[in-house]
Amino acid sequence: MKRVLGAALAVVGVMLAGSAGAMTLVGQTPCVTVPVSGMESQAQLAQTLGAQGYDHVVLSAVVPSLTNPHPELNASETASPGTTPVRDGWNGVAEKNGQTVQVYVTGL
């Protein structure tokens, strides 16, 4: 009985280890890094991304956190791109060729 239980636990362990590795590969979200200088608002960032072929650009006034992991889904946090300053790091999400990417800014 102990051998059977041990073997079953070993099989489950291997399955979990394999799925964890797969989740790491699948769970990585692509990102686009936009080097900016002199850009002041997220509206300008959205125009820049649009010129690079991105659409469905949703930029957020706040960064993700454990309590708010997807601020880009909250309309009140994405309502004012014209007055929301661009910040160094994560600013939102966009799509290109049907793929959603995270939008990061560098160079501020």
N, C-alpha and C. Protein backbone atom coordinates (compact mmCIF):
# COMPACT_ATOMS: atom_id res chain seq x y z
N MET A 1 0.82 -1.18 0.00
CA MET A 1 0.00 0.00 0.00
C MET A 1 0.87 1.26 0.00
N LYS A 2 1.97 1.25 0.80
CA LYS A 2 2.85 2.40 0.85
C LYS A 2 3.51 2.64 -0.50
N ARG A 3 3.86 1.53 -1.20
CA ARG A 3 4.49 1.68 -2.51
C ARG A 3 3.52 2.32 -3.50
N VAL A 4 2.28 1.89 -3.47
CA VAL A 4 1.27 2.43 -4.39
C VAL A 4 1.05 3.91 -4.10
N LEU A 5 0.93 4.27 -2.83
CA LEU A 5 0.74 5.66 -2.45
C LEU A 5 1.96 6.50 -2.85
N GLY A 6 3.14 5.95 -2.61
CA GLY A 6 4.37 6.65 -2.99
C GLY A 6 4.47 6.87 -4.49
N ALA A 7 4.11 5.83 -5.26
CA ALA A 7 4.14 5.94 -6.71
C ALA A 7 3.13 6.96 -7.20
N ALA A 8 1.94 6.95 -6.61
CA ALA A 8 0.91 7.91 -7.00
C ALA A 8 1.35 9.34 -6.71
N LEU A 9 1.96 9.55 -5.56
CA LEU A 9 2.45 10.88 -5.22
C LEU A 9 3.56 11.32 -6.17
N ALA A 10 4.42 10.39 -6.56
CA ALA A 10 5.50 10.71 -7.49
C ALA A 10 4.93 11.12 -8.85
N VAL A 11 3.91 10.40 -9.33
CA VAL A 11 3.28 10.73 -10.61
C VAL A 11 2.63 12.11 -10.54
N VAL A 12 1.92 12.39 -9.46
CA VAL A 12 1.28 13.70 -9.29
C VAL A 12 2.34 14.80 -9.25
N GLY A 13 3.44 14.54 -8.55
CA GLY A 13 4.52 15.52 -8.47
C GLY A 13 5.10 15.83 -9.83
N VAL A 14 5.32 14.81 -10.64
CA VAL A 14 5.86 15.01 -11.99
C VAL A 14 4.86 15.78 -12.84
N MET A 15 3.58 15.45 -12.72
CA MET A 15 2.56 16.16 -13.49
C MET A 15 2.50 17.64 -13.09
N LEU A 16 2.57 17.92 -11.80
CA LEU A 16 2.53 19.31 -11.34
C LEU A 16 3.77 20.07 -11.78
N ALA A 17 4.90 19.43 -11.71
CA ALA A 17 6.14 20.09 -12.14
C ALA A 17 6.08 20.40 -13.63
N GLY A 18 5.56 19.47 -14.41
CA GLY A 18 5.42 19.70 -15.85
C GLY A 18 4.44 20.81 -16.16
N SER A 19 3.31 20.85 -15.45
CA SER A 19 2.33 21.90 -15.72
C SER A 19 2.84 23.25 -15.25
N ALA A 20 3.63 23.29 -14.19
CA ALA A 20 4.19 24.56 -13.72
C ALA A 20 5.14 25.12 -14.77
N GLY A 21 5.93 24.26 -15.38
CA GLY A 21 6.82 24.71 -16.44
C GLY A 21 6.05 25.22 -17.64
N ALA A 22 4.97 24.54 -17.98
CA ALA A 22 4.14 24.97 -19.10
C ALA A 22 3.48 26.30 -18.80
N MET A 23 3.01 26.48 -17.58
CA MET A 23 2.38 27.74 -17.21
C MET A 23 3.37 28.89 -17.29
N THR A 24 4.62 28.63 -16.99
CA THR A 24 5.62 29.67 -17.08
C THR A 24 5.77 30.10 -18.53
N LEU A 25 5.80 29.14 -19.43
CA LEU A 25 5.93 29.48 -20.85
C LEU A 25 4.69 30.16 -21.38
N VAL A 26 3.52 29.67 -21.01
CA VAL A 26 2.27 30.21 -21.51
C VAL A 26 1.93 31.51 -20.80
N GLY A 27 2.29 31.62 -19.53
CA GLY A 27 1.88 32.76 -18.73
C GLY A 27 2.68 34.03 -18.97
N GLN A 28 3.73 33.98 -19.74
CA GLN A 28 4.51 35.18 -20.01
C GLN A 28 3.78 36.04 -21.01
N THR A 29 3.51 37.28 -20.63
CA THR A 29 2.81 38.20 -21.50
C THR A 29 3.81 39.05 -22.26
N PRO A 30 3.65 39.13 -23.58
CA PRO A 30 4.58 39.95 -24.35
C PRO A 30 4.42 41.43 -23.98
N CYS A 31 5.49 42.19 -24.18
CA CYS A 31 5.42 43.61 -23.87
C CYS A 31 6.09 44.41 -24.97
N VAL A 32 5.74 45.68 -25.03
CA VAL A 32 6.39 46.63 -25.91
C VAL A 32 6.98 47.71 -25.01
N THR A 33 8.23 48.04 -25.26
CA THR A 33 8.89 49.10 -24.49
C THR A 33 9.05 50.30 -25.41
N VAL A 34 8.51 51.42 -24.97
CA VAL A 34 8.53 52.63 -25.77
C VAL A 34 9.52 53.62 -25.15
N PRO A 35 10.62 53.90 -25.83
CA PRO A 35 11.53 54.93 -25.32
C PRO A 35 10.94 56.30 -25.63
N VAL A 36 10.81 57.13 -24.63
CA VAL A 36 10.21 58.45 -24.83
C VAL A 36 11.11 59.53 -24.25
N SER A 37 10.98 60.68 -24.80
CA SER A 37 11.60 61.86 -24.21
C SER A 37 10.70 63.04 -24.58
N GLY A 38 10.34 63.79 -23.59
CA GLY A 38 9.48 64.94 -23.82
C GLY A 38 8.00 64.61 -23.93
N MET A 39 7.65 63.34 -23.82
CA MET A 39 6.24 62.96 -23.88
C MET A 39 5.62 63.25 -22.51
N GLU A 40 4.49 63.94 -22.51
CA GLU A 40 3.91 64.34 -21.25
C GLU A 40 2.68 63.55 -20.84
N SER A 41 1.81 63.20 -21.78
CA SER A 41 0.56 62.55 -21.40
C SER A 41 0.42 61.16 -22.01
N GLN A 42 -0.46 60.37 -21.41
CA GLN A 42 -0.73 59.05 -21.96
C GLN A 42 -1.46 59.15 -23.30
N ALA A 43 -2.13 60.26 -23.56
CA ALA A 43 -2.76 60.46 -24.87
C ALA A 43 -1.68 60.52 -25.96
N GLN A 44 -0.57 61.19 -25.67
CA GLN A 44 0.55 61.23 -26.62
C GLN A 44 1.15 59.84 -26.80
N LEU A 45 1.24 59.08 -25.72
CA LEU A 45 1.75 57.71 -25.79
C LEU A 45 0.83 56.86 -26.67
N ALA A 46 -0.47 57.01 -26.51
CA ALA A 46 -1.43 56.26 -27.33
C ALA A 46 -1.28 56.61 -28.80
N GLN A 47 -1.05 57.89 -29.12
CA GLN A 47 -0.84 58.30 -30.52
C GLN A 47 0.43 57.66 -31.08
N THR A 48 1.49 57.64 -30.27
CA THR A 48 2.75 57.02 -30.69
C THR A 48 2.56 55.54 -30.97
N LEU A 49 1.84 54.86 -30.07
CA LEU A 49 1.59 53.42 -30.27
C LEU A 49 0.73 53.20 -31.51
N GLY A 50 -0.26 54.05 -31.73
CA GLY A 50 -1.10 53.93 -32.92
C GLY A 50 -0.28 54.07 -34.19
N ALA A 51 0.67 54.99 -34.20
CA ALA A 51 1.54 55.18 -35.36
C ALA A 51 2.44 53.97 -35.61
N GLN A 52 2.69 53.19 -34.55
CA GLN A 52 3.50 51.97 -34.67
C GLN A 52 2.66 50.74 -34.98
N GLY A 53 1.36 50.92 -35.22
CA GLY A 53 0.51 49.80 -35.60
C GLY A 53 -0.26 49.15 -34.48
N TYR A 54 -0.23 49.72 -33.28
CA TYR A 54 -0.97 49.18 -32.15
C TYR A 54 -2.37 49.76 -32.14
N ASP A 55 -3.33 48.95 -31.72
CA ASP A 55 -4.69 49.44 -31.54
C ASP A 55 -5.21 48.94 -30.20
N HIS A 56 -6.45 49.28 -29.89
CA HIS A 56 -7.05 48.91 -28.60
C HIS A 56 -6.11 49.28 -27.45
N VAL A 57 -5.55 50.48 -27.52
CA VAL A 57 -4.63 50.96 -26.50
C VAL A 57 -5.46 51.41 -25.29
N VAL A 58 -5.17 50.82 -24.12
CA VAL A 58 -5.84 51.18 -22.88
C VAL A 58 -4.76 51.48 -21.85
N LEU A 59 -4.64 52.76 -21.50
CA LEU A 59 -3.61 53.19 -20.56
C LEU A 59 -4.26 53.57 -19.24
N SER A 60 -3.60 53.26 -18.16
CA SER A 60 -4.18 53.43 -16.83
C SER A 60 -3.48 54.51 -16.02
N ALA A 61 -4.26 55.19 -15.17
CA ALA A 61 -3.72 56.22 -14.29
C ALA A 61 -2.96 55.62 -13.11
N VAL A 62 -3.16 54.33 -12.84
CA VAL A 62 -2.48 53.68 -11.71
C VAL A 62 -1.77 52.42 -12.20
N VAL A 63 -0.76 52.01 -11.45
CA VAL A 63 -0.02 50.78 -11.79
C VAL A 63 -0.71 49.58 -11.15
N PRO A 64 -0.51 48.39 -11.70
CA PRO A 64 -1.10 47.20 -11.10
C PRO A 64 -0.55 46.95 -9.70
N SER A 65 -1.37 46.33 -8.87
CA SER A 65 -0.96 45.95 -7.52
C SER A 65 -1.64 44.63 -7.18
N LEU A 66 -1.32 44.08 -6.04
CA LEU A 66 -1.96 42.83 -5.63
C LEU A 66 -3.46 43.01 -5.45
N THR A 67 -3.88 44.17 -4.98
CA THR A 67 -5.31 44.42 -4.77
C THR A 67 -6.00 44.89 -6.04
N ASN A 68 -5.25 45.35 -7.03
CA ASN A 68 -5.81 45.84 -8.29
C ASN A 68 -4.90 45.38 -9.43
N PRO A 69 -4.93 44.07 -9.77
CA PRO A 69 -3.97 43.54 -10.73
C PRO A 69 -4.21 43.98 -12.18
N HIS A 70 -5.41 44.47 -12.51
CA HIS A 70 -5.71 44.89 -13.88
C HIS A 70 -6.39 46.25 -13.87
N PRO A 71 -5.67 47.31 -13.53
CA PRO A 71 -6.30 48.63 -13.48
C PRO A 71 -6.81 49.09 -14.85
N GLU A 72 -6.29 48.51 -15.91
CA GLU A 72 -6.74 48.90 -17.25
C GLU A 72 -8.17 48.47 -17.53
N LEU A 73 -8.73 47.61 -16.68
CA LEU A 73 -10.12 47.17 -16.85
C LEU A 73 -11.10 48.08 -16.13
N ASN A 74 -10.61 49.02 -15.34
CA ASN A 74 -11.47 49.93 -14.57
C ASN A 74 -11.60 51.24 -15.33
N ALA A 75 -12.81 51.53 -15.80
CA ALA A 75 -13.04 52.71 -16.62
C ALA A 75 -12.64 54.01 -15.92
N SER A 76 -12.81 54.08 -14.61
CA SER A 76 -12.46 55.32 -13.91
C SER A 76 -10.95 55.54 -13.88
N GLU A 77 -10.16 54.50 -14.06
CA GLU A 77 -8.70 54.62 -14.03
C GLU A 77 -8.10 54.79 -15.42
N THR A 78 -8.95 54.75 -16.46
CA THR A 78 -8.47 54.90 -17.83
C THR A 78 -9.16 56.06 -18.54
N ALA A 79 -9.95 56.85 -17.81
CA ALA A 79 -10.82 57.84 -18.42
C ALA A 79 -10.12 59.13 -18.87
N SER A 80 -8.93 59.42 -18.38
CA SER A 80 -8.31 60.73 -18.65
C SER A 80 -6.90 60.63 -19.21
N PRO A 81 -6.71 60.02 -20.37
CA PRO A 81 -5.34 59.89 -20.89
C PRO A 81 -4.72 61.24 -21.23
N GLY A 82 -5.54 62.25 -21.53
CA GLY A 82 -5.01 63.57 -21.87
C GLY A 82 -4.39 64.29 -20.69
N THR A 83 -4.85 63.97 -19.48
CA THR A 83 -4.32 64.62 -18.29
C THR A 83 -3.49 63.68 -17.41
N THR A 84 -3.43 62.40 -17.78
CA THR A 84 -2.64 61.44 -17.01
C THR A 84 -1.21 61.46 -17.54
N PRO A 85 -0.26 61.78 -16.68
CA PRO A 85 1.13 61.82 -17.16
C PRO A 85 1.67 60.41 -17.45
N VAL A 86 2.54 60.34 -18.44
CA VAL A 86 3.25 59.09 -18.72
C VAL A 86 4.22 58.86 -17.56
N ARG A 87 4.33 57.62 -17.13
CA ARG A 87 5.27 57.32 -16.05
C ARG A 87 6.27 56.26 -16.53
N ASP A 88 7.42 56.29 -15.93
CA ASP A 88 8.44 55.29 -16.24
C ASP A 88 7.92 53.93 -15.77
N GLY A 89 7.95 52.94 -16.65
CA GLY A 89 7.44 51.61 -16.31
C GLY A 89 6.12 51.33 -16.99
N TRP A 90 5.29 50.51 -16.35
CA TRP A 90 4.03 50.05 -16.92
C TRP A 90 3.02 51.19 -17.04
N ASN A 91 2.37 51.28 -18.20
CA ASN A 91 1.35 52.30 -18.43
C ASN A 91 0.02 51.72 -18.90
N GLY A 92 -0.01 50.48 -19.35
CA GLY A 92 -1.26 49.89 -19.80
C GLY A 92 -1.04 48.74 -20.76
N VAL A 93 -2.03 48.53 -21.63
CA VAL A 93 -1.97 47.44 -22.60
C VAL A 93 -2.37 47.95 -23.98
N ALA A 94 -1.98 47.20 -25.00
CA ALA A 94 -2.35 47.50 -26.38
C ALA A 94 -2.38 46.19 -27.15
N GLU A 95 -2.89 46.25 -28.36
CA GLU A 95 -2.92 45.06 -29.21
C GLU A 95 -2.23 45.35 -30.53
N LYS A 96 -1.59 44.32 -31.04
CA LYS A 96 -1.01 44.39 -32.38
C LYS A 96 -1.12 43.01 -33.00
N ASN A 97 -1.72 42.97 -34.17
CA ASN A 97 -1.93 41.71 -34.88
C ASN A 97 -2.69 40.71 -34.01
N GLY A 98 -3.65 41.20 -33.23
CA GLY A 98 -4.48 40.33 -32.40
C GLY A 98 -3.83 39.88 -31.10
N GLN A 99 -2.62 40.32 -30.82
CA GLN A 99 -1.92 39.90 -29.61
C GLN A 99 -1.87 41.08 -28.63
N THR A 100 -2.28 40.82 -27.38
CA THR A 100 -2.23 41.84 -26.34
C THR A 100 -0.83 41.93 -25.78
N VAL A 101 -0.34 43.15 -25.65
CA VAL A 101 0.99 43.38 -25.09
C VAL A 101 0.89 44.38 -23.94
N GLN A 102 1.80 44.27 -23.00
CA GLN A 102 1.93 45.23 -21.91
C GLN A 102 2.74 46.42 -22.42
N VAL A 103 2.35 47.63 -22.06
CA VAL A 103 3.04 48.83 -22.52
C VAL A 103 3.93 49.38 -21.41
N TYR A 104 5.22 49.40 -21.67
CA TYR A 104 6.20 49.95 -20.73
C TYR A 104 6.89 51.15 -21.37
N VAL A 105 7.21 52.13 -20.56
CA VAL A 105 7.89 53.33 -21.03
C VAL A 105 9.24 53.42 -20.33
N THR A 106 10.26 53.81 -21.09
CA THR A 106 11.58 54.05 -20.52
C THR A 106 12.07 55.41 -20.97
N GLY A 107 12.98 55.98 -20.21
CA GLY A 107 13.63 57.21 -20.63
C GLY A 107 13.04 58.48 -20.07
N LEU A 108 12.21 58.36 -19.04
CA LEU A 108 11.66 59.59 -18.44
C LEU A 108 12.59 60.14 -17.40
